[in-house]
Amino acid sequence: MDLGACPKSHTERLKTEFLAAREANPSDPVFAKFQTEYENNIFAFVDECDRRIRTAQRRLEKTPEENAKTTNLVCAAGFLIRQRLTTCRLCRCVKLLKSSWQFRAERKKLRPSVRCLSALLIRLSAESVQASKGRWKSR
């Protein structure tokens, strides 16, 4: 498994200076910190490799039948979601139709009243026309 180049810079000159300084003063706590950091980096690298191996093994554990079953379940869930959305849209349409039908029923109930009002308006306008003719004649 190739993780690419190390992001830290390691020149030969720095390495020789480090080794010479460590030989000169091996009890310096700075070198213990470097050793601890080195070990932590190695452990992190090993943990990352283990994680990738576990992921690959889990992927390999599934058989083609299980993969097909999972795919079918996802497709069925998508179908059910689309069906539910369509049902919701139809319910909204039915609700709009019901309100339209209720409006028509109310309008039918009001038709006689509207006809009476229309007849009354026609009669009143006719009377006002006759009254205005009478006023014009009397002048």
N, C-alpha and C. Protein backbone atom coordinates (compact mmCIF):
# COMPACT_ATOMS: atom_id res chain seq x y z
N MET A 1 0.86 -1.16 0.00
CA MET A 1 0.00 0.00 0.00
C MET A 1 0.91 1.22 0.00
N ASP A 2 0.70 2.08 -1.01
CA ASP A 2 1.53 3.27 -1.14
C ASP A 2 0.74 4.48 -0.66
N LEU A 3 1.24 5.16 0.37
CA LEU A 3 0.58 6.35 0.90
C LEU A 3 1.21 7.62 0.36
N GLY A 4 2.14 7.49 -0.55
CA GLY A 4 2.78 8.66 -1.14
C GLY A 4 4.00 9.08 -0.32
N ALA A 5 4.59 10.18 -0.72
CA ALA A 5 5.78 10.68 -0.06
C ALA A 5 5.44 11.26 1.30
N CYS A 6 6.39 11.20 2.22
CA CYS A 6 6.20 11.75 3.56
C CYS A 6 6.14 13.27 3.46
N PRO A 7 5.17 13.89 4.12
CA PRO A 7 5.04 15.35 4.00
C PRO A 7 6.14 16.12 4.75
N LYS A 8 6.90 15.46 5.60
CA LYS A 8 7.97 16.13 6.34
C LYS A 8 9.27 16.07 5.54
N SER A 9 10.11 17.09 5.72
CA SER A 9 11.36 17.11 4.96
C SER A 9 12.45 16.39 5.76
N HIS A 10 13.17 15.52 5.10
CA HIS A 10 14.25 14.75 5.73
C HIS A 10 15.48 14.85 4.84
N THR A 11 16.39 15.72 5.18
CA THR A 11 17.62 15.82 4.40
C THR A 11 18.71 15.04 5.13
N GLU A 12 19.67 14.60 4.38
CA GLU A 12 20.78 13.83 4.93
C GLU A 12 21.59 14.67 5.93
N ARG A 13 21.74 15.95 5.65
CA ARG A 13 22.50 16.84 6.52
C ARG A 13 21.82 16.94 7.90
N LEU A 14 20.49 17.12 7.92
CA LEU A 14 19.77 17.19 9.19
C LEU A 14 19.88 15.89 9.98
N LYS A 15 19.86 14.78 9.27
CA LYS A 15 19.96 13.48 9.94
C LYS A 15 21.33 13.31 10.60
N THR A 16 22.39 13.66 9.90
CA THR A 16 23.73 13.52 10.48
C THR A 16 23.92 14.46 11.66
N GLU A 17 23.38 15.69 11.58
CA GLU A 17 23.47 16.62 12.70
C GLU A 17 22.70 16.09 13.92
N PHE A 18 21.54 15.52 13.68
CA PHE A 18 20.73 14.96 14.77
C PHE A 18 21.47 13.81 15.45
N LEU A 19 22.02 12.89 14.65
CA LEU A 19 22.72 11.74 15.23
C LEU A 19 23.95 12.19 16.02
N ALA A 20 24.67 13.18 15.50
CA ALA A 20 25.87 13.68 16.20
C ALA A 20 25.47 14.33 17.53
N ALA A 21 24.38 15.11 17.52
CA ALA A 21 23.93 15.77 18.75
C ALA A 21 23.43 14.74 19.76
N ARG A 22 22.78 13.69 19.31
CA ARG A 22 22.28 12.66 20.21
C ARG A 22 23.43 11.87 20.83
N GLU A 23 24.50 11.62 20.05
CA GLU A 23 25.66 10.91 20.59
C GLU A 23 26.39 11.79 21.61
N ALA A 24 26.39 13.09 21.36
CA ALA A 24 27.09 13.98 22.27
C ALA A 24 26.36 14.11 23.60
N ASN A 25 25.03 14.11 23.59
CA ASN A 25 24.24 14.29 24.82
C ASN A 25 23.01 13.38 24.79
N PRO A 26 23.19 12.08 25.05
CA PRO A 26 22.07 11.14 24.94
C PRO A 26 20.99 11.33 26.00
N SER A 27 21.27 11.99 27.11
CA SER A 27 20.28 12.14 28.17
C SER A 27 19.41 13.39 28.02
N ASP A 28 19.58 14.14 26.95
CA ASP A 28 18.79 15.35 26.72
C ASP A 28 17.33 14.96 26.48
N PRO A 29 16.32 15.61 27.18
CA PRO A 29 14.91 15.24 27.02
C PRO A 29 14.35 15.56 25.63
N VAL A 30 15.01 16.41 24.88
CA VAL A 30 14.55 16.72 23.52
C VAL A 30 14.58 15.46 22.65
N PHE A 31 15.62 14.64 22.85
CA PHE A 31 15.73 13.42 22.04
C PHE A 31 14.66 12.41 22.44
N ALA A 32 14.26 12.40 23.71
CA ALA A 32 13.16 11.53 24.14
C ALA A 32 11.86 11.97 23.47
N LYS A 33 11.66 13.29 23.37
CA LYS A 33 10.46 13.80 22.67
C LYS A 33 10.46 13.39 21.20
N PHE A 34 11.64 13.51 20.56
CA PHE A 34 11.74 13.10 19.15
C PHE A 34 11.41 11.62 19.01
N GLN A 35 11.94 10.79 19.94
CA GLN A 35 11.69 9.35 19.89
C GLN A 35 10.20 9.06 20.08
N THR A 36 9.55 9.75 21.02
CA THR A 36 8.12 9.56 21.27
C THR A 36 7.29 9.97 20.05
N GLU A 37 7.65 11.10 19.45
CA GLU A 37 6.93 11.55 18.25
C GLU A 37 7.11 10.55 17.11
N TYR A 38 8.32 10.02 16.99
CA TYR A 38 8.60 9.02 15.95
C TYR A 38 7.73 7.78 16.15
N GLU A 39 7.67 7.31 17.40
CA GLU A 39 6.87 6.12 17.69
C GLU A 39 5.39 6.39 17.46
N ASN A 40 4.91 7.58 17.83
CA ASN A 40 3.50 7.93 17.60
C ASN A 40 3.18 7.96 16.11
N ASN A 41 4.11 8.48 15.31
CA ASN A 41 3.89 8.51 13.86
C ASN A 41 3.83 7.09 13.29
N ILE A 42 4.71 6.21 13.79
CA ILE A 42 4.70 4.82 13.31
C ILE A 42 3.39 4.14 13.71
N PHE A 43 2.95 4.35 14.97
CA PHE A 43 1.69 3.74 15.42
C PHE A 43 0.50 4.27 14.62
N ALA A 44 0.50 5.56 14.33
CA ALA A 44 -0.59 6.14 13.54
C ALA A 44 -0.60 5.54 12.13
N PHE A 45 0.60 5.34 11.56
CA PHE A 45 0.69 4.73 10.23
C PHE A 45 0.15 3.29 10.26
N VAL A 46 0.52 2.54 11.28
CA VAL A 46 0.05 1.16 11.40
C VAL A 46 -1.47 1.13 11.61
N ASP A 47 -1.99 2.04 12.44
CA ASP A 47 -3.44 2.11 12.65
C ASP A 47 -4.18 2.43 11.36
N GLU A 48 -3.64 3.35 10.57
CA GLU A 48 -4.26 3.70 9.28
C GLU A 48 -4.27 2.50 8.35
N CYS A 49 -3.16 1.76 8.31
CA CYS A 49 -3.10 0.56 7.47
C CYS A 49 -4.12 -0.48 7.94
N ASP A 50 -4.22 -0.67 9.26
CA ASP A 50 -5.20 -1.62 9.80
C ASP A 50 -6.62 -1.21 9.45
N ARG A 51 -6.91 0.09 9.54
CA ARG A 51 -8.26 0.58 9.21
C ARG A 51 -8.58 0.30 7.75
N ARG A 52 -7.62 0.55 6.87
CA ARG A 52 -7.85 0.29 5.45
C ARG A 52 -8.04 -1.21 5.18
N ILE A 53 -7.30 -2.03 5.88
CA ILE A 53 -7.43 -3.48 5.70
C ILE A 53 -8.82 -3.93 6.18
N ARG A 54 -9.27 -3.43 7.34
CA ARG A 54 -10.61 -3.80 7.84
C ARG A 54 -11.71 -3.37 6.88
N THR A 55 -11.56 -2.18 6.31
CA THR A 55 -12.56 -1.69 5.35
C THR A 55 -12.60 -2.60 4.13
N ALA A 56 -11.43 -2.95 3.63
CA ALA A 56 -11.38 -3.84 2.46
C ALA A 56 -11.96 -5.21 2.78
N GLN A 57 -11.68 -5.74 3.97
CA GLN A 57 -12.23 -7.04 4.35
C GLN A 57 -13.75 -6.99 4.46
N ARG A 58 -14.29 -5.90 5.04
CA ARG A 58 -15.75 -5.78 5.12
C ARG A 58 -16.37 -5.75 3.73
N ARG A 59 -15.68 -5.07 2.81
CA ARG A 59 -16.19 -5.00 1.45
C ARG A 59 -16.18 -6.38 0.80
N LEU A 60 -15.14 -7.16 1.10
CA LEU A 60 -15.03 -8.49 0.51
C LEU A 60 -15.97 -9.50 1.17
N GLU A 61 -16.41 -9.23 2.41
CA GLU A 61 -17.29 -10.15 3.11
C GLU A 61 -18.66 -10.25 2.46
N LYS A 62 -19.09 -9.21 1.79
CA LYS A 62 -20.41 -9.23 1.16
C LYS A 62 -20.35 -10.03 -0.13
N THR A 63 -21.32 -10.91 -0.28
CA THR A 63 -21.40 -11.70 -1.50
C THR A 63 -22.16 -10.91 -2.56
N PRO A 64 -22.05 -11.32 -3.81
CA PRO A 64 -22.81 -10.63 -4.85
C PRO A 64 -24.32 -10.66 -4.60
N GLU A 65 -24.80 -11.75 -3.97
CA GLU A 65 -26.23 -11.83 -3.65
C GLU A 65 -26.62 -10.76 -2.63
N GLU A 66 -25.75 -10.56 -1.63
CA GLU A 66 -26.03 -9.53 -0.64
C GLU A 66 -26.00 -8.14 -1.26
N ASN A 67 -25.03 -7.94 -2.15
CA ASN A 67 -24.97 -6.65 -2.85
C ASN A 67 -26.22 -6.42 -3.68
N ALA A 68 -26.70 -7.47 -4.38
CA ALA A 68 -27.91 -7.35 -5.18
C ALA A 68 -29.12 -7.08 -4.29
N LYS A 69 -29.17 -7.76 -3.14
CA LYS A 69 -30.28 -7.56 -2.21
C LYS A 69 -30.29 -6.12 -1.71
N THR A 70 -29.12 -5.60 -1.36
CA THR A 70 -29.03 -4.22 -0.89
C THR A 70 -29.48 -3.26 -1.99
N THR A 71 -29.03 -3.51 -3.21
CA THR A 71 -29.42 -2.66 -4.34
C THR A 71 -30.92 -2.69 -4.56
N ASN A 72 -31.51 -3.89 -4.49
CA ASN A 72 -32.96 -4.02 -4.65
C ASN A 72 -33.72 -3.29 -3.55
N LEU A 73 -33.22 -3.37 -2.32
CA LEU A 73 -33.88 -2.67 -1.22
C LEU A 73 -33.82 -1.15 -1.42
N VAL A 74 -32.68 -0.68 -1.88
CA VAL A 74 -32.56 0.76 -2.13
C VAL A 74 -33.50 1.19 -3.25
N CYS A 75 -33.59 0.38 -4.31
CA CYS A 75 -34.51 0.69 -5.41
C CYS A 75 -35.96 0.67 -4.93
N ALA A 76 -36.30 -0.33 -4.12
CA ALA A 76 -37.68 -0.42 -3.61
C ALA A 76 -37.99 0.78 -2.72
N ALA A 77 -37.04 1.18 -1.91
CA ALA A 77 -37.26 2.36 -1.05
C ALA A 77 -37.47 3.60 -1.91
N GLY A 78 -36.67 3.74 -2.96
CA GLY A 78 -36.85 4.88 -3.87
C GLY A 78 -38.22 4.86 -4.53
N PHE A 79 -38.67 3.67 -4.96
CA PHE A 79 -39.99 3.54 -5.57
C PHE A 79 -41.09 3.94 -4.59
N LEU A 80 -40.97 3.46 -3.33
CA LEU A 80 -41.98 3.79 -2.32
C LEU A 80 -42.01 5.29 -2.03
N ILE A 81 -40.84 5.90 -2.01
CA ILE A 81 -40.79 7.35 -1.77
C ILE A 81 -41.46 8.09 -2.92
N ARG A 82 -41.15 7.69 -4.16
CA ARG A 82 -41.78 8.34 -5.32
C ARG A 82 -43.29 8.13 -5.29
N GLN A 83 -43.73 6.92 -4.93
CA GLN A 83 -45.16 6.62 -4.86
C GLN A 83 -45.83 7.47 -3.79
N ARG A 84 -45.18 7.63 -2.66
CA ARG A 84 -45.74 8.44 -1.57
C ARG A 84 -45.87 9.90 -1.99
N LEU A 85 -44.85 10.41 -2.69
CA LEU A 85 -44.92 11.79 -3.18
C LEU A 85 -46.06 11.97 -4.17
N THR A 86 -46.23 10.99 -5.05
CA THR A 86 -47.32 11.06 -6.02
C THR A 86 -48.66 11.05 -5.30
N THR A 87 -48.80 10.20 -4.27
CA THR A 87 -50.03 10.15 -3.50
C THR A 87 -50.30 11.49 -2.83
N CYS A 88 -49.27 12.10 -2.28
CA CYS A 88 -49.44 13.41 -1.64
C CYS A 88 -49.91 14.45 -2.65
N ARG A 89 -49.33 14.42 -3.84
CA ARG A 89 -49.74 15.37 -4.88
C ARG A 89 -51.19 15.15 -5.27
N LEU A 90 -51.59 13.86 -5.41
CA LEU A 90 -52.97 13.55 -5.76
C LEU A 90 -53.92 14.00 -4.65
N CYS A 91 -53.52 13.83 -3.40
CA CYS A 91 -54.37 14.27 -2.28
C CYS A 91 -54.57 15.78 -2.33
N ARG A 92 -53.51 16.51 -2.67
CA ARG A 92 -53.65 17.96 -2.79
C ARG A 92 -54.62 18.31 -3.90
N CYS A 93 -54.53 17.59 -5.02
CA CYS A 93 -55.45 17.84 -6.13
C CYS A 93 -56.89 17.54 -5.73
N VAL A 94 -57.08 16.42 -5.03
CA VAL A 94 -58.43 16.05 -4.60
C VAL A 94 -58.97 17.10 -3.64
N LYS A 95 -58.13 17.59 -2.76
CA LYS A 95 -58.55 18.62 -1.81
C LYS A 95 -58.98 19.88 -2.57
N LEU A 96 -58.20 20.25 -3.60
CA LEU A 96 -58.58 21.41 -4.41
C LEU A 96 -59.89 21.18 -5.13
N LEU A 97 -60.08 19.95 -5.65
CA LEU A 97 -61.33 19.64 -6.33
C LEU A 97 -62.51 19.70 -5.37
N LYS A 98 -62.33 19.17 -4.17
CA LYS A 98 -63.41 19.20 -3.19
C LYS A 98 -63.79 20.64 -2.87
N SER A 99 -62.79 21.49 -2.69
CA SER A 99 -63.11 22.88 -2.38
C SER A 99 -63.80 23.53 -3.58
N SER A 100 -63.41 23.13 -4.79
CA SER A 100 -64.08 23.65 -5.99
C SER A 100 -65.53 23.18 -6.04
N TRP A 101 -65.77 21.92 -5.70
CA TRP A 101 -67.13 21.39 -5.70
C TRP A 101 -67.96 22.07 -4.63
N GLN A 102 -67.35 22.33 -3.47
CA GLN A 102 -68.07 23.02 -2.41
C GLN A 102 -68.43 24.44 -2.87
N PHE A 103 -67.51 25.08 -3.57
CA PHE A 103 -67.79 26.42 -4.08
C PHE A 103 -68.96 26.38 -5.07
N ARG A 104 -68.97 25.37 -5.93
CA ARG A 104 -70.06 25.25 -6.90
C ARG A 104 -71.39 25.01 -6.18
N ALA A 105 -71.37 24.16 -5.15
CA ALA A 105 -72.59 23.88 -4.39
C ALA A 105 -73.10 25.15 -3.72
N GLU A 106 -72.20 25.93 -3.14
CA GLU A 106 -72.61 27.19 -2.52
C GLU A 106 -73.18 28.14 -3.57
N ARG A 107 -72.55 28.15 -4.71
CA ARG A 107 -73.02 29.03 -5.79
C ARG A 107 -74.42 28.62 -6.24
N LYS A 108 -74.67 27.30 -6.33
CA LYS A 108 -76.00 26.83 -6.70
C LYS A 108 -77.04 27.23 -5.66
N LYS A 109 -76.63 27.17 -4.38
CA LYS A 109 -77.56 27.57 -3.31
C LYS A 109 -77.90 29.06 -3.43
N LEU A 110 -76.94 29.84 -3.88
CA LEU A 110 -77.13 31.29 -3.96
C LEU A 110 -77.83 31.73 -5.25
N ARG A 111 -77.97 30.87 -6.22
CA ARG A 111 -78.56 31.26 -7.50
C ARG A 111 -79.95 31.90 -7.35
N PRO A 112 -80.86 31.30 -6.57
CA PRO A 112 -82.18 31.95 -6.44
C PRO A 112 -82.06 33.36 -5.86
N SER A 113 -81.20 33.53 -4.87
CA SER A 113 -81.03 34.86 -4.28
C SER A 113 -80.46 35.83 -5.30
N VAL A 114 -79.53 35.35 -6.08
CA VAL A 114 -78.92 36.21 -7.11
C VAL A 114 -79.97 36.58 -8.16
N ARG A 115 -80.81 35.60 -8.53
CA ARG A 115 -81.85 35.89 -9.51
C ARG A 115 -82.83 36.94 -8.96
N CYS A 116 -83.20 36.77 -7.69
CA CYS A 116 -84.11 37.74 -7.07
C CYS A 116 -83.48 39.12 -7.06
N LEU A 117 -82.20 39.17 -6.68
CA LEU A 117 -81.51 40.46 -6.65
C LEU A 117 -81.40 41.06 -8.05
N SER A 118 -81.14 40.21 -9.01
CA SER A 118 -81.05 40.70 -10.40
C SER A 118 -82.39 41.26 -10.85
N ALA A 119 -83.48 40.53 -10.55
CA ALA A 119 -84.81 41.01 -10.93
C ALA A 119 -85.14 42.32 -10.23
N LEU A 120 -84.78 42.41 -8.95
CA LEU A 120 -85.00 43.63 -8.20
C LEU A 120 -84.23 44.81 -8.80
N LEU A 121 -82.96 44.55 -9.15
CA LEU A 121 -82.15 45.61 -9.77
C LEU A 121 -82.73 46.05 -11.11
N ILE A 122 -83.19 45.07 -11.89
CA ILE A 122 -83.79 45.41 -13.19
C ILE A 122 -85.05 46.25 -12.97
N ARG A 123 -85.88 45.83 -12.03
CA ARG A 123 -87.10 46.56 -11.74
C ARG A 123 -86.80 47.97 -11.25
N LEU A 124 -85.82 48.08 -10.32
CA LEU A 124 -85.46 49.40 -9.81
C LEU A 124 -84.88 50.30 -10.89
N SER A 125 -84.07 49.73 -11.75
CA SER A 125 -83.50 50.55 -12.83
C SER A 125 -84.59 50.98 -13.81
N ALA A 126 -85.56 50.08 -14.05
CA ALA A 126 -86.67 50.44 -14.93
C ALA A 126 -87.50 51.55 -14.30
N GLU A 127 -87.76 51.43 -13.01
CA GLU A 127 -88.53 52.46 -12.31
C GLU A 127 -87.78 53.79 -12.32
N SER A 128 -86.47 53.75 -12.14
CA SER A 128 -85.71 55.00 -12.13
C SER A 128 -85.69 55.63 -13.51
N VAL A 129 -85.68 54.78 -14.55
CA VAL A 129 -85.72 55.32 -15.91
C VAL A 129 -87.06 55.99 -16.15
N GLN A 130 -88.16 55.33 -15.70
CA GLN A 130 -89.49 55.92 -15.88
C GLN A 130 -89.62 57.20 -15.08
N ALA A 131 -89.05 57.21 -13.88
CA ALA A 131 -89.12 58.41 -13.05
C ALA A 131 -88.34 59.54 -13.69
N SER A 132 -87.22 59.21 -14.27
CA SER A 132 -86.42 60.28 -14.91
C SER A 132 -87.12 60.77 -16.17
N LYS A 133 -87.86 59.90 -16.87
CA LYS A 133 -88.62 60.36 -18.05
C LYS A 133 -89.70 61.31 -17.60
N GLY A 134 -90.32 60.98 -16.47
CA GLY A 134 -91.39 61.86 -15.94
C GLY A 134 -90.82 63.20 -15.54
N ARG A 135 -89.63 63.22 -15.03
CA ARG A 135 -89.03 64.50 -14.67
C ARG A 135 -88.71 65.34 -15.88
N TRP A 136 -88.27 64.66 -16.94
CA TRP A 136 -87.94 65.40 -18.16
C TRP A 136 -89.20 65.97 -18.81
N LYS A 137 -90.29 65.21 -18.69
CA LYS A 137 -91.54 65.67 -19.32
C LYS A 137 -92.12 66.87 -18.57
N SER A 138 -91.96 66.87 -17.24
CA SER A 138 -92.56 67.95 -16.47
C SER A 138 -91.80 69.25 -16.63
N ARG A 139 -90.69 69.30 -17.14
CA ARG A 139 -89.93 70.54 -17.29
C ARG A 139 -90.34 71.30 -18.42
